[in-house]
C-alpha atoms as a PDB file:
ATOM      1  CA  MET A   1      75.410  91.960 149.098  1.00  0.00           C
ATOM      2  CA  PHE A   2      71.820  93.230 149.284  1.00  0.00           C
ATOM      3  CA  PHE A   3      69.665  95.048 146.723  1.00  0.00           C
ATOM      4  CA  PHE A   4      66.931  97.437 147.793  1.00  0.00           C
ATOM      5  CA  SER A   5      64.969 100.471 146.495  1.00  0.00           C
ATOM      6  CA  CYS A   6      64.485 103.868 148.069  1.00  0.00           C
ATOM      7  CA  SER A   7      60.768 104.571 148.637  1.00  0.00           C
ATOM      8  CA  GLU A   8      61.168 108.343 148.099  1.00  0.00           C
ATOM      9  CA  CYS A   9      63.311 108.576 144.961  1.00  0.00           C
ATOM     10  CA  ARG A  10      62.674 105.028 143.657  1.00  0.00           C
ATOM     11  CA  GLU A  11      66.395 104.572 142.962  1.00  0.00           C
ATOM     12  CA  ARG A  12      67.831 101.092 143.361  1.00  0.00           C
ATOM     13  CA  TYR A  13      70.829 100.595 145.623  1.00  0.00           C
ATOM     14  CA  VAL A  14      73.309  97.873 146.398  1.00  0.00           C
ATOM     15  CA  LEU A  15      74.541  97.383 149.929  1.00  0.00           C
ATOM     16  CA  LEU A  16      78.008  95.859 150.153  1.00  0.00           C
ATOM     17  CA  VAL A  17      79.010  94.586 153.573  1.00  0.00           C
ATOM     18  CA  GLY A  18      82.621  93.948 154.482  1.00  0.00           C
ATOM     19  CA  ASP A  19      83.782  92.071 157.600  1.00  0.00           C
ATOM     20  CA  ALA A  20      80.160  91.974 158.793  1.00  0.00           C
ATOM     21  CA  GLU A  21      80.609  95.342 160.505  1.00  0.00           C
ATOM     22  CA  LEU A  22      78.310  98.307 159.956  1.00  0.00           C
ATOM     23  CA  SER A  23      81.313 100.638 159.836  1.00  0.00           C
ATOM     24  CA  ASN A  24      82.515  98.879 156.696  1.00  0.00           C
ATOM     25  CA  MET A  25      79.196  99.108 154.829  1.00  0.00           C
ATOM     26  CA  LEU A  26      79.140 100.925 151.531  1.00  0.00           C
ATOM     27  CA  LEU A  27      75.947 102.056 149.863  1.00  0.00           C
ATOM     28  CA  LEU A  28      76.181 102.308 146.050  1.00  0.00           C
ATOM     29  CA  ASN A  29      73.639 103.463 143.493  1.00  0.00           C
ATOM     30  CA  TYR A  30      72.561 100.513 141.313  1.00  0.00           C
ATOM     31  CA  GLY A  31      72.556 102.678 138.146  1.00  0.00           C
ATOM     32  CA  PHE A  32      76.163 103.665 138.846  1.00  0.00           C
ATOM     33  CA  LEU A  33      77.201 100.016 139.167  1.00  0.00           C
ATOM     34  CA  LYS A  34      75.322  99.024 136.021  1.00  0.00           C
ATOM     35  CA  ASP A  35      77.041 101.821 134.031  1.00  0.00           C
ATOM     36  CA  TYR A  36      80.421 100.978 135.565  1.00  0.00           C
ATOM     37  CA  PHE A  37      80.273  97.303 134.590  1.00  0.00           C
ATOM     38  CA  MET A  38      78.803  98.109 131.160  1.00  0.00           C
ATOM     39  CA  LYS A  39      81.797 100.347 130.428  1.00  0.00           C
ATOM     40  CA  LYS A  40      84.162  97.580 131.538  1.00  0.00           C
ATOM     41  CA  LEU A  41      82.356  95.116 129.258  1.00  0.00           C
ATOM     42  CA  ILE A  42      82.594  97.487 126.283  1.00  0.00           C
ATOM     43  CA  VAL A  43      86.316  98.045 126.875  1.00  0.00           C
ATOM     44  CA  ALA A  44      86.914  94.279 127.119  1.00  0.00           C
ATOM     45  CA  ALA A  45      84.964  93.637 123.890  1.00  0.00           C
ATOM     46  CA  LEU A  46      86.888  96.404 122.127  1.00  0.00           C
ATOM     47  CA  ALA A  47      90.207  94.906 123.267  1.00  0.00           C
ATOM     48  CA  VAL A  48      89.217  91.530 121.814  1.00  0.00           C
ATOM     49  CA  VAL A  49      88.268  93.101 118.481  1.00  0.00           C
ATOM     50  CA  LEU A  50      91.468  95.145 118.268  1.00  0.00           C
ATOM     51  CA  ALA A  51      93.592  92.135 119.168  1.00  0.00           C
ATOM     52  CA  ALA A  52      92.567  90.434 115.938  1.00  0.00           C
ATOM     53  CA  CYS A  53      95.075  90.248 113.100  1.00  0.00           C
ATOM     54  CA  THR A  54      95.502  93.307 110.939  1.00  0.00           C
ATOM     55  CA  ALA A  55      96.889  93.494 107.423  1.00  0.00           C
ATOM     56  CA  VAL A  56      98.226  96.383 105.373  1.00  0.00           C
ATOM     57  CA  GLN A  57      98.898  96.146 101.639  1.00  0.00           C
ATOM     58  CA  SER A  58     100.457  98.522  99.153  1.00  0.00           C
ATOM     59  CA  GLY A  59     101.310  98.370  95.480  1.00  0.00           C
ATOM     60  CA  THR A  60     100.148  96.072  92.704  1.00  0.00           C
ATOM     61  CA  GLN A  61     100.069  92.387  93.515  1.00  0.00           C
ATOM     62  CA  VAL A  62     101.863  90.392  90.810  1.00  0.00           C
ATOM     63  CA  SER A  63     102.117  86.612  90.999  1.00  0.00           C
ATOM     64  CA  ALA A  64     104.898  84.467  89.575  1.00  0.00           C
ATOM     65  CA  ASP A  65     102.330  82.735  87.338  1.00  0.00           C
ATOM     66  CA  THR A  66     101.247  86.060  85.835  1.00  0.00           C
ATOM     67  CA  VAL A  67     104.850  87.002  85.084  1.00  0.00           C
ATOM     68  CA  LYS A  68     105.470  83.581  83.491  1.00  0.00           C
ATOM     69  CA  SER A  69     102.481  84.125  81.185  1.00  0.00           C
ATOM     70  CA  PHE A  70     104.251  87.067  79.487  1.00  0.00           C
ATOM     71  CA  GLU A  71     106.369  85.964  76.506  1.00  0.00           C
ATOM     72  CA  LYS A  72     109.655  87.673  75.722  1.00  0.00           C
ATOM     73  CA  GLY A  73     109.700  89.098  72.213  1.00  0.00           C
ATOM     74  CA  VAL A  74     105.895  88.740  71.888  1.00  0.00           C
ATOM     75  CA  THR A  75     104.076  90.503  74.751  1.00  0.00           C
ATOM     76  CA  THR A  76     103.660  94.264  74.365  1.00  0.00           C
ATOM     77  CA  SER A  77     103.770  96.968  77.013  1.00  0.00           C
ATOM     78  CA  ALA A  78     100.070  97.646  76.316  1.00  0.00           C
ATOM     79  CA  GLN A  79      99.241  94.008  77.170  1.00  0.00           C
ATOM     80  CA  VAL A  80     101.234  94.178  80.405  1.00  0.00           C
ATOM     81  CA  ARG A  81      99.539  97.451  81.371  1.00  0.00           C
ATOM     82  CA  ALA A  82      96.119  95.906  80.639  1.00  0.00           C
ATOM     83  CA  ALA A  83      96.927  92.875  82.823  1.00  0.00           C
ATOM     84  CA  LEU A  84      98.655  94.607  85.752  1.00  0.00           C
ATOM     85  CA  GLY A  85      97.766  98.284  85.563  1.00  0.00           C
ATOM     86  CA  ASP A  86     100.228 101.137  85.736  1.00  0.00           C
ATOM     87  CA  PRO A  87     103.687 100.267  87.101  1.00  0.00           C
ATOM     88  CA  MET A  88     104.977 101.862  90.295  1.00  0.00           C
ATOM     89  CA  ASN A  89     108.094 103.079  88.497  1.00  0.00           C
ATOM     90  CA  VAL A  90     109.013 103.628  84.841  1.00  0.00           C
ATOM     91  CA  HIS A  91     112.642 104.287  83.901  1.00  0.00           C
ATOM     92  CA  GLN A  92     113.211 105.543  80.372  1.00  0.00           C
ATOM     93  CA  ASN A  93     116.651 104.954  78.928  1.00  0.00           C
ATOM     94  CA  GLY A  94     118.337 107.207  76.373  1.00  0.00           C
ATOM     95  CA  ASP A  95     117.923 104.602  73.624  1.00  0.00           C
ATOM     96  CA  GLY A  96     114.114 104.538  74.009  1.00  0.00           C
ATOM     97  CA  THR A  97     113.904 101.333  76.041  1.00  0.00           C
ATOM     98  CA  GLU A  98     111.938 101.294  79.303  1.00  0.00           C
ATOM     99  CA  LEU A  99     112.224  99.430  82.596  1.00  0.00           C
ATOM    100  CA  TRP A 100     108.917  98.971  84.431  1.00  0.00           C
ATOM    101  CA  THR A 101     108.834  98.019  88.107  1.00  0.00           C
ATOM    102  CA  TYR A 102     105.877  96.654  90.067  1.00  0.00           C
ATOM    103  CA  TYR A 103     106.161  96.432  93.862  1.00  0.00           C
ATOM    104  CA  HIS A 104     103.777  94.822  96.309  1.00  0.00           C
ATOM    105  CA  THR A 105     104.099  94.609 100.079  1.00  0.00           C
ATOM    106  CA  GLU A 106     101.728  92.964 102.534  1.00  0.00           C
ATOM    107  CA  THR A 107     102.275  93.139 106.283  1.00  0.00           C
ATOM    108  CA  LYS A 108     100.189  91.140 108.748  1.00  0.00           C
ATOM    109  CA  THR A 109     100.380  91.709 112.487  1.00  0.00           C
ATOM    110  CA  ASN A 110      98.966  89.759 115.408  1.00  0.00           C
ATOM    111  CA  GLY A 111      97.173  92.840 116.769  1.00  0.00           C
ATOM    112  CA  ALA A 112      99.171  92.998 119.994  1.00  0.00           C
ATOM    113  CA  GLU A 113     100.332  96.525 119.127  1.00  0.00           C
ATOM    114  CA  TYR A 114      96.906  97.761 120.257  1.00  0.00           C
ATOM    115  CA  ILE A 115      97.383  96.469 123.809  1.00  0.00           C
ATOM    116  CA  PRO A 116      98.976  99.170 125.972  1.00  0.00           C
ATOM    117  CA  ILE A 117     102.503  98.363 127.226  1.00  0.00           C
ATOM    118  CA  ALA A 118     102.234  94.630 126.386  1.00  0.00           C
ATOM    119  CA  GLY A 119     102.147  95.537 122.692  1.00  0.00           C
ATOM    120  CA  LEU A 120     105.730  96.751 122.941  1.00  0.00           C
ATOM    121  CA  PHE A 121     106.886  93.214 123.659  1.00  0.00           C
ATOM    122  CA  MET A 122     104.286  90.958 122.043  1.00  0.00           C
ATOM    123  CA  THR A 123     103.819  92.432 118.562  1.00  0.00           C
ATOM    124  CA  GLU A 124     104.706  90.138 115.668  1.00  0.00           C
ATOM    125  CA  ALA A 125     104.684  91.113 112.003  1.00  0.00           C
ATOM    126  CA  LYS A 126     104.987  89.032 108.855  1.00  0.00           C
ATOM    127  CA  THR A 127     105.842  90.904 105.673  1.00  0.00           C
ATOM    128  CA  LYS A 128     105.735  89.475 102.160  1.00  0.00           C
ATOM    129  CA  SER A 129     107.237  91.577  99.404  1.00  0.00           C
ATOM    130  CA  THR A 130     107.222  90.958  95.655  1.00  0.00           C
ATOM    131  CA  THR A 131     108.993  92.841  92.877  1.00  0.00           C
ATOM    132  CA  ALA A 132     108.528  92.377  89.133  1.00  0.00           C
ATOM    133  CA  GLN A 133     110.749  94.241  86.663  1.00  0.00           C
ATOM    134  CA  MET A 134     110.107  94.205  82.932  1.00  0.00           C
ATOM    135  CA  SER A 135     112.227  95.772  80.230  1.00  0.00           C
ATOM    136  CA  PHE A 136     110.704  96.820  76.928  1.00  0.00           C
ATOM    137  CA  SER A 137     112.305  97.690  73.605  1.00  0.00           C
ATOM    138  CA  ALA A 138     111.830 101.125  72.050  1.00  0.00           C
ATOM    139  CA  GLU A 139     108.927  99.541  70.095  1.00  0.00           C
ATOM    140  CA  GLY A 140     107.237  98.406  73.346  1.00  0.00           C
ATOM    141  CA  ILE A 141     108.031  94.679  73.064  1.00  0.00           C
ATOM    142  CA  LEU A 142     108.938  92.746  76.240  1.00  0.00           C
ATOM    143  CA  GLN A 143     112.664  91.939  76.310  1.00  0.00           C
ATOM    144  CA  ASP A 144     113.295  90.624  79.821  1.00  0.00           C
ATOM    145  CA  VAL A 145     111.457  89.840  83.079  1.00  0.00           C
ATOM    146  CA  ASN A 146     112.801  89.590  86.633  1.00  0.00           C
ATOM    147  CA  TYR A 147     110.625  88.473  89.534  1.00  0.00           C
ATOM    148  CA  SER A 148     111.553  88.217  93.207  1.00  0.00           C
ATOM    149  CA  GLU A 149     109.675  87.395  96.377  1.00  0.00           C
ATOM    150  CA  SER A 150     110.839  87.776  99.966  1.00  0.00           C
ATOM    151  CA  ASN A 151     109.394  87.119 103.420  1.00  0.00           C
ATOM    152  CA  PHE A 152     110.330  88.857 106.673  1.00  0.00           C
ATOM    153  CA  ASN A 153     109.212  87.976 110.194  1.00  0.00           C
ATOM    154  CA  THR A 154     109.755  90.366 113.101  1.00  0.00           C
ATOM    155  CA  LYS A 155     109.075  89.974 116.786  1.00  0.00           C
END
């Protein structure tokens, strides 16, 4: 491989020789090669960045410790709302009692879904889901609490 410049246009060129025969010589513009390899480098860097783990969350995150801190017969619905925010679902019963539900889901992937074709076979996802249900009396006093947590792994 030889590098040289044209004296008329001052462009730089690369001469690639194959099989040491003049008929197999290929003359390429140096600027073209530089742009070509720069694009390849950018695509490779982008693939590395996209292959990093990704995470998607939805809902209100409620921990088991937070739920345990609420006392049945003492904690009010206003205190729960202040601690956790608005519930995802409120069911009002005919007798004035309410059932509040908080959901939270977090899914983490290995990023392989961004790799063409290979992503169909290499993608892994880990999902953690929590649900907290709280029932309140007609006066807004906590009567009962249910908390569940589940984990799912998919390949």
